[in-house]
Amino acid sequence: MTETGKTVAEVAEDLGNNETTPAGWVSRVRRTGTAPAGGGDALERLRRANARLRRDAKEQRAIRPMIRGMRCWRYLA
């Protein structure tokens, strides 16, 4: 894409989305002729947030079987 030089498919893979989402962003920028202000900082914040959410989800997936194995799981889940 414009700032990074990556393809739409590469950006979609990095963000964990399908190709439709970033392709929509590109077409919107082309229609309006402008990119969102502060794109570099906002993009970096989004990448950090995405990484944090992925770590949290991975941790929850790891904990879930342990909770289910407990006798009182229904009170914790």
N, C-alpha and C. Protein backbone atom coordinates (compact mmCIF):
# COMPACT_ATOMS: atom_id res chain seq x y z
N MET A 1 0.86 -1.15 0.00
CA MET A 1 0.00 0.00 0.00
C MET A 1 0.91 1.22 0.00
N THR A 2 0.38 2.37 0.00
CA THR A 2 1.17 3.55 -0.33
C THR A 2 2.34 3.83 0.59
N GLU A 3 2.14 3.84 1.90
CA GLU A 3 3.24 4.20 2.81
C GLU A 3 4.28 3.10 2.96
N THR A 4 3.83 1.86 3.02
CA THR A 4 4.75 0.76 3.30
C THR A 4 5.26 0.06 2.06
N GLY A 5 4.56 0.22 0.95
CA GLY A 5 4.93 -0.48 -0.28
C GLY A 5 4.46 -1.92 -0.30
N LYS A 6 3.68 -2.33 0.71
CA LYS A 6 3.16 -3.70 0.76
C LYS A 6 1.94 -3.83 -0.13
N THR A 7 1.67 -5.05 -0.52
CA THR A 7 0.45 -5.30 -1.30
C THR A 7 -0.74 -5.35 -0.35
N VAL A 8 -1.94 -5.27 -0.92
CA VAL A 8 -3.16 -5.35 -0.12
C VAL A 8 -3.20 -6.68 0.62
N ALA A 9 -2.80 -7.76 -0.03
CA ALA A 9 -2.80 -9.09 0.60
C ALA A 9 -1.85 -9.13 1.79
N GLU A 10 -0.69 -8.52 1.68
CA GLU A 10 0.27 -8.50 2.78
C GLU A 10 -0.26 -7.71 3.97
N VAL A 11 -0.88 -6.58 3.70
CA VAL A 11 -1.45 -5.76 4.77
C VAL A 11 -2.58 -6.52 5.46
N ALA A 12 -3.43 -7.18 4.66
CA ALA A 12 -4.53 -7.95 5.24
C ALA A 12 -4.00 -9.06 6.14
N GLU A 13 -2.96 -9.73 5.70
CA GLU A 13 -2.36 -10.80 6.51
C GLU A 13 -1.77 -10.23 7.80
N ASP A 14 -1.07 -9.10 7.71
CA ASP A 14 -0.49 -8.47 8.90
C ASP A 14 -1.55 -8.11 9.93
N LEU A 15 -2.70 -7.65 9.46
CA LEU A 15 -3.77 -7.21 10.35
C LEU A 15 -4.72 -8.33 10.75
N GLY A 16 -4.57 -9.48 10.10
CA GLY A 16 -5.46 -10.59 10.40
C GLY A 16 -6.84 -10.43 9.79
N ASN A 17 -6.96 -9.67 8.72
CA ASN A 17 -8.23 -9.44 8.03
C ASN A 17 -8.20 -10.13 6.68
N ASN A 18 -9.36 -10.14 6.03
CA ASN A 18 -9.37 -10.58 4.64
C ASN A 18 -8.99 -9.39 3.76
N GLU A 19 -8.78 -9.63 2.49
CA GLU A 19 -8.29 -8.57 1.59
C GLU A 19 -9.31 -7.48 1.33
N THR A 20 -10.57 -7.74 1.61
CA THR A 20 -11.62 -6.76 1.33
C THR A 20 -11.46 -5.50 2.17
N THR A 21 -11.07 -5.66 3.43
CA THR A 21 -10.97 -4.51 4.33
C THR A 21 -9.93 -3.49 3.87
N PRO A 22 -8.65 -3.88 3.70
CA PRO A 22 -7.69 -2.87 3.24
C PRO A 22 -7.95 -2.41 1.81
N ALA A 23 -8.53 -3.26 0.98
CA ALA A 23 -8.85 -2.82 -0.38
C ALA A 23 -9.89 -1.71 -0.34
N GLY A 24 -10.83 -1.80 0.61
CA GLY A 24 -11.82 -0.74 0.78
C GLY A 24 -11.18 0.56 1.22
N TRP A 25 -10.17 0.45 2.09
CA TRP A 25 -9.46 1.66 2.52
C TRP A 25 -8.78 2.33 1.34
N VAL A 26 -8.14 1.53 0.50
CA VAL A 26 -7.43 2.08 -0.66
C VAL A 26 -8.42 2.75 -1.60
N SER A 27 -9.54 2.09 -1.87
CA SER A 27 -10.50 2.69 -2.80
C SER A 27 -11.10 3.97 -2.22
N ARG A 28 -11.31 4.02 -0.91
CA ARG A 28 -11.84 5.24 -0.28
C ARG A 28 -10.84 6.39 -0.42
N VAL A 29 -9.55 6.10 -0.20
CA VAL A 29 -8.53 7.14 -0.34
C VAL A 29 -8.46 7.62 -1.78
N ARG A 30 -8.57 6.70 -2.73
CA ARG A 30 -8.52 7.10 -4.14
C ARG A 30 -9.72 7.95 -4.52
N ARG A 31 -10.90 7.62 -3.97
CA ARG A 31 -12.11 8.40 -4.27
C ARG A 31 -12.01 9.80 -3.70
N THR A 32 -11.57 9.91 -2.45
CA THR A 32 -11.53 11.22 -1.81
C THR A 32 -10.26 11.99 -2.13
N GLY A 33 -9.22 11.28 -2.51
CA GLY A 33 -7.97 11.92 -2.86
C GLY A 33 -7.08 12.26 -1.68
N THR A 34 -7.49 11.86 -0.48
CA THR A 34 -6.67 12.16 0.70
C THR A 34 -6.61 10.94 1.60
N ALA A 35 -5.54 10.84 2.31
CA ALA A 35 -5.39 9.80 3.33
C ALA A 35 -5.72 10.41 4.68
N PRO A 36 -6.11 9.61 5.66
CA PRO A 36 -6.39 10.14 6.99
C PRO A 36 -5.17 10.83 7.57
N ALA A 37 -5.39 11.91 8.30
CA ALA A 37 -4.28 12.65 8.92
C ALA A 37 -3.63 11.80 10.00
N GLY A 38 -2.34 11.97 10.17
CA GLY A 38 -1.62 11.23 11.20
C GLY A 38 -1.58 9.74 10.96
N GLY A 39 -1.54 9.34 9.72
CA GLY A 39 -1.60 7.93 9.37
C GLY A 39 -0.51 7.10 9.98
N GLY A 40 0.72 7.61 10.02
CA GLY A 40 1.83 6.83 10.54
C GLY A 40 1.68 6.52 12.02
N ASP A 41 1.35 7.53 12.82
CA ASP A 41 1.17 7.34 14.26
C ASP A 41 -0.05 6.47 14.54
N ALA A 42 -1.13 6.72 13.84
CA ALA A 42 -2.34 5.95 14.05
C ALA A 42 -2.12 4.49 13.66
N LEU A 43 -1.41 4.28 12.57
CA LEU A 43 -1.13 2.91 12.14
C LEU A 43 -0.30 2.17 13.16
N GLU A 44 0.68 2.83 13.72
CA GLU A 44 1.53 2.20 14.74
C GLU A 44 0.72 1.88 15.99
N ARG A 45 -0.16 2.79 16.41
CA ARG A 45 -1.02 2.52 17.56
C ARG A 45 -1.93 1.32 17.30
N LEU A 46 -2.48 1.24 16.09
CA LEU A 46 -3.33 0.12 15.73
C LEU A 46 -2.56 -1.20 15.73
N ARG A 47 -1.33 -1.16 15.25
CA ARG A 47 -0.51 -2.37 15.24
C ARG A 47 -0.22 -2.84 16.66
N ARG A 48 0.10 -1.90 17.55
CA ARG A 48 0.36 -2.28 18.94
C ARG A 48 -0.88 -2.84 19.60
N ALA A 49 -2.03 -2.19 19.37
CA ALA A 49 -3.28 -2.66 19.95
C ALA A 49 -3.64 -4.04 19.41
N ASN A 50 -3.44 -4.25 18.11
CA ASN A 50 -3.73 -5.54 17.50
C ASN A 50 -2.84 -6.62 18.10
N ALA A 51 -1.57 -6.33 18.28
CA ALA A 51 -0.65 -7.29 18.87
C ALA A 51 -1.05 -7.62 20.30
N ARG A 52 -1.45 -6.59 21.07
CA ARG A 52 -1.89 -6.81 22.45
C ARG A 52 -3.14 -7.69 22.49
N LEU A 53 -4.09 -7.41 21.62
CA LEU A 53 -5.32 -8.20 21.60
C LEU A 53 -5.05 -9.64 21.19
N ARG A 54 -4.13 -9.84 20.26
CA ARG A 54 -3.77 -11.21 19.86
C ARG A 54 -3.12 -11.95 21.02
N ARG A 55 -2.24 -11.28 21.78
CA ARG A 55 -1.62 -11.92 22.94
C ARG A 55 -2.68 -12.28 23.99
N ASP A 56 -3.60 -11.35 24.24
CA ASP A 56 -4.67 -11.61 25.21
C ASP A 56 -5.52 -12.80 24.79
N ALA A 57 -5.88 -12.86 23.52
CA ALA A 57 -6.70 -13.96 23.02
C ALA A 57 -5.96 -15.29 23.13
N LYS A 58 -4.67 -15.27 22.84
CA LYS A 58 -3.87 -16.49 22.94
C LYS A 58 -3.81 -16.96 24.39
N GLU A 59 -3.63 -16.03 25.31
CA GLU A 59 -3.59 -16.37 26.74
C GLU A 59 -4.92 -16.95 27.19
N GLN A 60 -6.02 -16.35 26.75
CA GLN A 60 -7.33 -16.85 27.14
C GLN A 60 -7.58 -18.25 26.58
N ARG A 61 -7.14 -18.49 25.35
CA ARG A 61 -7.29 -19.83 24.78
C ARG A 61 -6.48 -20.86 25.57
N ALA A 62 -5.34 -20.45 26.11
CA ALA A 62 -4.52 -21.36 26.89
C ALA A 62 -5.14 -21.63 28.26
N ILE A 63 -5.79 -20.66 28.85
CA ILE A 63 -6.36 -20.78 30.19
C ILE A 63 -7.69 -21.53 30.16
N ARG A 64 -8.45 -21.38 29.09
CA ARG A 64 -9.79 -21.96 29.02
C ARG A 64 -9.84 -23.46 29.34
N PRO A 65 -8.95 -24.31 28.78
CA PRO A 65 -9.02 -25.74 29.13
C PRO A 65 -8.77 -26.00 30.62
N MET A 66 -7.91 -25.21 31.24
CA MET A 66 -7.65 -25.39 32.67
C MET A 66 -8.90 -25.07 33.48
N ILE A 67 -9.58 -24.01 33.11
CA ILE A 67 -10.79 -23.62 33.83
C ILE A 67 -11.87 -24.69 33.64
N ARG A 68 -12.00 -25.20 32.44
CA ARG A 68 -13.01 -26.23 32.19
C ARG A 68 -12.72 -27.51 32.97
N GLY A 69 -11.45 -27.78 33.25
CA GLY A 69 -11.09 -28.97 34.00
C GLY A 69 -11.38 -28.86 35.49
N MET A 70 -11.62 -27.68 35.95
CA MET A 70 -11.90 -27.48 37.37
C MET A 70 -13.36 -27.83 37.66
N ARG A 71 -13.61 -28.31 38.87
CA ARG A 71 -14.98 -28.68 39.24
C ARG A 71 -15.90 -27.45 39.27
N CYS A 72 -15.34 -26.29 39.60
CA CYS A 72 -16.16 -25.09 39.73
C CYS A 72 -16.12 -24.23 38.48
N TRP A 73 -15.78 -24.79 37.33
CA TRP A 73 -15.61 -24.00 36.11
C TRP A 73 -16.84 -23.20 35.76
N ARG A 74 -18.02 -23.73 36.05
CA ARG A 74 -19.25 -23.02 35.64
C ARG A 74 -19.40 -21.68 36.37
N TYR A 75 -18.73 -21.54 37.52
CA TYR A 75 -18.81 -20.29 38.25
C TYR A 75 -17.76 -19.29 37.79
N LEU A 76 -16.74 -19.76 37.08
CA LEU A 76 -15.66 -18.90 36.63
C LEU A 76 -15.76 -18.52 35.17
N ALA A 77 -16.39 -19.33 34.37
CA ALA A 77 -16.42 -19.13 32.92
C ALA A 77 -17.45 -18.11 32.52
